[in-house]
Amino acid sequence: MKKLIFFCVLFLFTSLFAEEVFQVGVINTLQLHPASTPVEGFKLNLVNSSTDNFTGLDIGFFSQVNKDFTGIQFNTINFNEGNSVGIQFGEVLSASGSMTGAQLSTVNYVREDMVGLQIGFLNIITGGGQNLQLGMINYNENGFLKIFPFFNFSL
């Protein structure tokens, strides 16, 4: 009973500071809130959900954030089109427009600047930034070599 009261109070408290604190989606057209609604809290992707701006913990199968992401993602596929700050854990793919933090996935991709760490089988950074890549194949547009096995970096 104490746990239930604690979570109810926590939910009410966090709802005072965020437009929406919870998002759940089966597919991105069948989700609790439309993609344009900012979510700060928790996002559950049963199959896929899409949100323009998200802050918090994002878990499930396939997550799409269209603009800004801040937090932690645990998904099979993480796909963020805009700025990402935090950590992406993906079984298959973690992709971001720009990234500050870490990506740990089979394939990691950052289209613009990356400040942080990539660990995976295939790591790709096509922009700049200060970063370190650890993996079998590492492509870094501004790395000490563009393609290098095992590690690459850009300062």
C-alpha atoms as a PDB file:
ATOM      1  CA  MET A   1       0.000   0.000   0.000  1.00  0.00           C
ATOM      2  CA  LYS A   2       2.878   2.366   0.800  1.00  0.00           C
ATOM      3  CA  LYS A   3       4.373   1.758  -2.653  1.00  0.00           C
ATOM      4  CA  LEU A   4       1.055   2.539  -4.337  1.00  0.00           C
ATOM      5  CA  ILE A   5       0.724   5.799  -2.418  1.00  0.00           C
ATOM      6  CA  PHE A   6       4.341   6.690  -3.206  1.00  0.00           C
ATOM      7  CA  PHE A   7       3.854   6.157  -6.961  1.00  0.00           C
ATOM      8  CA  CYS A   8       0.565   8.077  -6.960  1.00  0.00           C
ATOM      9  CA  VAL A   9       2.207  11.036  -5.210  1.00  0.00           C
ATOM     10  CA  LEU A  10       5.221  10.810  -7.548  1.00  0.00           C
ATOM     11  CA  PHE A  11       2.941  10.750 -10.599  1.00  0.00           C
ATOM     12  CA  LEU A  12       0.930  13.761  -9.380  1.00  0.00           C
ATOM     13  CA  PHE A  13       4.094  15.669  -8.457  1.00  0.00           C
ATOM     14  CA  THR A  14       5.765  15.107 -11.841  1.00  0.00           C
ATOM     15  CA  SER A  15       2.568  15.982 -13.701  1.00  0.00           C
ATOM     16  CA  LEU A  16       2.793  19.498 -12.275  1.00  0.00           C
ATOM     17  CA  PHE A  17       6.058  20.084 -14.149  1.00  0.00           C
ATOM     18  CA  ALA A  18       5.433  18.390 -17.496  1.00  0.00           C
ATOM     19  CA  GLU A  19       2.778  18.548 -20.140  1.00  0.00           C
ATOM     20  CA  GLU A  20       2.617  14.742 -20.285  1.00  0.00           C
ATOM     21  CA  VAL A  21       4.561  12.305 -18.097  1.00  0.00           C
ATOM     22  CA  PHE A  22       3.749   9.059 -19.868  1.00  0.00           C
ATOM     23  CA  GLN A  23       3.594   7.914 -23.472  1.00  0.00           C
ATOM     24  CA  VAL A  24       2.724   4.447 -24.697  1.00  0.00           C
ATOM     25  CA  GLY A  25       2.484   3.423 -28.323  1.00  0.00           C
ATOM     26  CA  VAL A  26       1.555   0.318 -30.265  1.00  0.00           C
ATOM     27  CA  ILE A  27       2.392   1.997 -33.585  1.00  0.00           C
ATOM     28  CA  ASN A  28       3.017   5.699 -34.011  1.00  0.00           C
ATOM     29  CA  THR A  29      -0.533   6.333 -35.246  1.00  0.00           C
ATOM     30  CA  LEU A  30      -1.963   4.342 -32.328  1.00  0.00           C
ATOM     31  CA  GLN A  31      -0.416   5.906 -29.239  1.00  0.00           C
ATOM     32  CA  LEU A  32      -1.617   7.628 -26.074  1.00  0.00           C
ATOM     33  CA  HIS A  33      -0.624  11.177 -27.143  1.00  0.00           C
ATOM     34  CA  PRO A  34       0.046  12.650 -30.592  1.00  0.00           C
ATOM     35  CA  ALA A  35       3.682  13.024 -31.627  1.00  0.00           C
ATOM     36  CA  SER A  36       3.462  16.814 -31.285  1.00  0.00           C
ATOM     37  CA  THR A  37       2.809  16.531 -27.516  1.00  0.00           C
ATOM     38  CA  PRO A  38       6.031  16.932 -25.477  1.00  0.00           C
ATOM     39  CA  VAL A  39       6.591  14.125 -22.974  1.00  0.00           C
ATOM     40  CA  GLU A  40       8.753  14.343 -19.848  1.00  0.00           C
ATOM     41  CA  GLY A  41       8.860  11.109 -17.910  1.00  0.00           C
ATOM     42  CA  PHE A  42       8.406   7.613 -19.329  1.00  0.00           C
ATOM     43  CA  LYS A  43       7.845   6.301 -22.863  1.00  0.00           C
ATOM     44  CA  LEU A  44       6.900   2.682 -23.608  1.00  0.00           C
ATOM     45  CA  ASN A  45       7.120   1.501 -27.224  1.00  0.00           C
ATOM     46  CA  LEU A  46       5.171  -1.742 -27.507  1.00  0.00           C
ATOM     47  CA  VAL A  47       6.029  -1.731 -31.201  1.00  0.00           C
ATOM     48  CA  ASN A  48       6.674   1.894 -32.182  1.00  0.00           C
ATOM     49  CA  SER A  49       5.886   5.344 -30.858  1.00  0.00           C
ATOM     50  CA  SER A  50       6.845   8.754 -32.123  1.00  0.00           C
ATOM     51  CA  THR A  51       7.315  11.950 -30.111  1.00  0.00           C
ATOM     52  CA  ASP A  52       8.667  15.314 -31.210  1.00  0.00           C
ATOM     53  CA  ASN A  53      10.345  16.170 -27.877  1.00  0.00           C
ATOM     54  CA  PHE A  54      11.073  13.695 -25.102  1.00  0.00           C
ATOM     55  CA  THR A  55      12.894  13.805 -21.764  1.00  0.00           C
ATOM     56  CA  GLY A  56      13.211  10.750 -19.530  1.00  0.00           C
ATOM     57  CA  LEU A  57      13.325   6.957 -19.823  1.00  0.00           C
ATOM     58  CA  ASP A  58      12.383   5.443 -23.199  1.00  0.00           C
ATOM     59  CA  ILE A  59      12.043   1.641 -23.488  1.00  0.00           C
ATOM     60  CA  GLY A  60      10.588  -0.883 -25.925  1.00  0.00           C
ATOM     61  CA  PHE A  61      11.032  -2.082 -29.480  1.00  0.00           C
ATOM     62  CA  PHE A  62      11.272   0.939 -31.828  1.00  0.00           C
ATOM     63  CA  SER A  63      11.475   4.536 -30.627  1.00  0.00           C
ATOM     64  CA  GLN A  64      11.334   7.627 -32.808  1.00  0.00           C
ATOM     65  CA  VAL A  65      12.025  11.138 -31.486  1.00  0.00           C
ATOM     66  CA  ASN A  66      11.583  13.776 -34.183  1.00  0.00           C
ATOM     67  CA  LYS A  67      13.284  16.770 -32.542  1.00  0.00           C
ATOM     68  CA  ASP A  68      15.001  16.809 -29.125  1.00  0.00           C
ATOM     69  CA  PHE A  69      15.760  13.868 -26.823  1.00  0.00           C
ATOM     70  CA  THR A  70      17.271  13.982 -23.332  1.00  0.00           C
ATOM     71  CA  GLY A  71      17.560  10.848 -21.220  1.00  0.00           C
ATOM     72  CA  ILE A  72      18.117   7.113 -21.557  1.00  0.00           C
ATOM     73  CA  GLN A  73      16.845   4.843 -24.323  1.00  0.00           C
ATOM     74  CA  PHE A  74      16.635   1.026 -24.112  1.00  0.00           C
ATOM     75  CA  ASN A  75      15.134  -0.146 -27.421  1.00  0.00           C
ATOM     76  CA  THR A  76      15.865  -2.581 -30.200  1.00  0.00           C
ATOM     77  CA  ILE A  77      15.948   0.451 -32.515  1.00  0.00           C
ATOM     78  CA  ASN A  78      16.517   4.066 -31.402  1.00  0.00           C
ATOM     79  CA  PHE A  79      15.898   6.669 -34.103  1.00  0.00           C
ATOM     80  CA  ASN A  80      16.290  10.323 -33.109  1.00  0.00           C
ATOM     81  CA  GLU A  81      16.219  12.866 -35.915  1.00  0.00           C
ATOM     82  CA  GLY A  82      17.272  15.900 -33.867  1.00  0.00           C
ATOM     83  CA  ASN A  83      19.547  16.610 -30.924  1.00  0.00           C
ATOM     84  CA  SER A  84      20.161  13.811 -28.415  1.00  0.00           C
ATOM     85  CA  VAL A  85      21.677  14.165 -24.950  1.00  0.00           C
ATOM     86  CA  GLY A  86      22.122  11.035 -22.860  1.00  0.00           C
ATOM     87  CA  ILE A  87      22.603   7.336 -23.523  1.00  0.00           C
ATOM     88  CA  GLN A  88      21.195   5.115 -26.259  1.00  0.00           C
ATOM     89  CA  PHE A  89      21.226   1.344 -25.716  1.00  0.00           C
ATOM     90  CA  GLY A  90      20.067  -0.494 -28.840  1.00  0.00           C
ATOM     91  CA  GLU A  91      20.143  -4.122 -29.878  1.00  0.00           C
ATOM     92  CA  VAL A  92      20.203  -3.313 -33.599  1.00  0.00           C
ATOM     93  CA  LEU A  93      20.492   0.437 -34.260  1.00  0.00           C
ATOM     94  CA  SER A  94      20.987   3.728 -32.453  1.00  0.00           C
ATOM     95  CA  ALA A  95      20.806   6.777 -34.720  1.00  0.00           C
ATOM     96  CA  SER A  96      20.779  10.510 -33.971  1.00  0.00           C
ATOM     97  CA  GLY A  97      21.010  13.810 -35.779  1.00  0.00           C
ATOM     98  CA  SER A  98      23.541  15.078 -33.244  1.00  0.00           C
ATOM     99  CA  MET A  99      24.598  13.374 -30.022  1.00  0.00           C
ATOM    100  CA  THR A 100      26.143  14.296 -26.694  1.00  0.00           C
ATOM    101  CA  GLY A 101      26.636  11.195 -24.578  1.00  0.00           C
ATOM    102  CA  ALA A 102      27.008   7.539 -25.517  1.00  0.00           C
ATOM    103  CA  GLN A 103      25.635   5.064 -28.032  1.00  0.00           C
ATOM    104  CA  LEU A 104      25.915   1.312 -27.385  1.00  0.00           C
ATOM    105  CA  SER A 105      24.399  -0.776 -30.169  1.00  0.00           C
ATOM    106  CA  THR A 106      25.275  -3.160 -32.980  1.00  0.00           C
ATOM    107  CA  VAL A 107      25.178  -0.189 -35.384  1.00  0.00           C
ATOM    108  CA  ASN A 108      25.614   3.394 -34.160  1.00  0.00           C
ATOM    109  CA  TYR A 109      25.069   6.378 -36.444  1.00  0.00           C
ATOM    110  CA  VAL A 110      25.325  10.149 -35.898  1.00  0.00           C
ATOM    111  CA  ARG A 111      24.575  12.399 -38.863  1.00  0.00           C
ATOM    112  CA  GLU A 112      26.011  15.632 -37.411  1.00  0.00           C
ATOM    113  CA  ASP A 113      28.269  16.339 -34.416  1.00  0.00           C
ATOM    114  CA  MET A 114      29.028  13.693 -31.790  1.00  0.00           C
ATOM    115  CA  VAL A 115      30.543  14.508 -28.410  1.00  0.00           C
ATOM    116  CA  GLY A 116      31.020  11.279 -26.525  1.00  0.00           C
ATOM    117  CA  LEU A 117      31.430   7.551 -27.041  1.00  0.00           C
ATOM    118  CA  GLN A 118      30.203   4.945 -29.524  1.00  0.00           C
ATOM    119  CA  ILE A 119      30.566   1.211 -28.816  1.00  0.00           C
ATOM    120  CA  GLY A 120      29.315  -1.250 -31.408  1.00  0.00           C
ATOM    121  CA  PHE A 121      30.126  -3.476 -34.343  1.00  0.00           C
ATOM    122  CA  LEU A 122      29.738  -0.610 -36.859  1.00  0.00           C
ATOM    123  CA  ASN A 123      30.120   3.015 -35.718  1.00  0.00           C
ATOM    124  CA  ILE A 124      29.483   5.946 -38.074  1.00  0.00           C
ATOM    125  CA  ILE A 125      29.903   9.690 -37.500  1.00  0.00           C
ATOM    126  CA  THR A 126      29.500  11.920 -40.562  1.00  0.00           C
ATOM    127  CA  GLY A 127      29.856  15.240 -38.700  1.00  0.00           C
ATOM    128  CA  GLY A 128      32.454  16.586 -36.303  1.00  0.00           C
ATOM    129  CA  GLY A 129      32.855  16.755 -32.560  1.00  0.00           C
ATOM    130  CA  GLN A 130      35.073  15.224 -29.910  1.00  0.00           C
ATOM    131  CA  ASN A 131      34.469  11.518 -29.763  1.00  0.00           C
ATOM    132  CA  LEU A 132      35.812   8.009 -29.351  1.00  0.00           C
ATOM    133  CA  GLN A 133      34.614   4.960 -31.262  1.00  0.00           C
ATOM    134  CA  LEU A 134      35.212   1.341 -30.198  1.00  0.00           C
ATOM    135  CA  GLY A 135      34.137  -1.409 -32.600  1.00  0.00           C
ATOM    136  CA  MET A 136      35.033  -3.650 -35.509  1.00  0.00           C
ATOM    137  CA  ILE A 137      34.468  -0.950 -38.149  1.00  0.00           C
ATOM    138  CA  ASN A 138      34.644   2.740 -37.269  1.00  0.00           C
ATOM    139  CA  TYR A 139      33.883   5.485 -39.795  1.00  0.00           C
ATOM    140  CA  ASN A 140      34.533   9.017 -38.617  1.00  0.00           C
ATOM    141  CA  GLU A 141      34.465  11.872 -41.116  1.00  0.00           C
ATOM    142  CA  ASN A 142      36.901  13.857 -38.932  1.00  0.00           C
ATOM    143  CA  GLY A 143      38.711  10.935 -37.301  1.00  0.00           C
ATOM    144  CA  PHE A 144      42.459  10.422 -37.361  1.00  0.00           C
ATOM    145  CA  LEU A 145      41.622   8.127 -40.302  1.00  0.00           C
ATOM    146  CA  LYS A 146      38.167   8.075 -41.898  1.00  0.00           C
ATOM    147  CA  ILE A 147      37.859   4.307 -41.525  1.00  0.00           C
ATOM    148  CA  PHE A 148      39.777   2.313 -38.945  1.00  0.00           C
ATOM    149  CA  PRO A 149      39.177  -1.042 -37.239  1.00  0.00           C
ATOM    150  CA  PHE A 150      38.834  -1.457 -33.464  1.00  0.00           C
ATOM    151  CA  PHE A 151      38.919   2.272 -32.579  1.00  0.00           C
ATOM    152  CA  ASN A 152      38.793   5.760 -34.028  1.00  0.00           C
ATOM    153  CA  PHE A 153      38.606   9.229 -32.524  1.00  0.00           C
ATOM    154  CA  SER A 154      38.217  12.895 -33.305  1.00  0.00           C
ATOM    155  CA  LEU A 155      39.500  15.741 -31.152  1.00  0.00           C
END
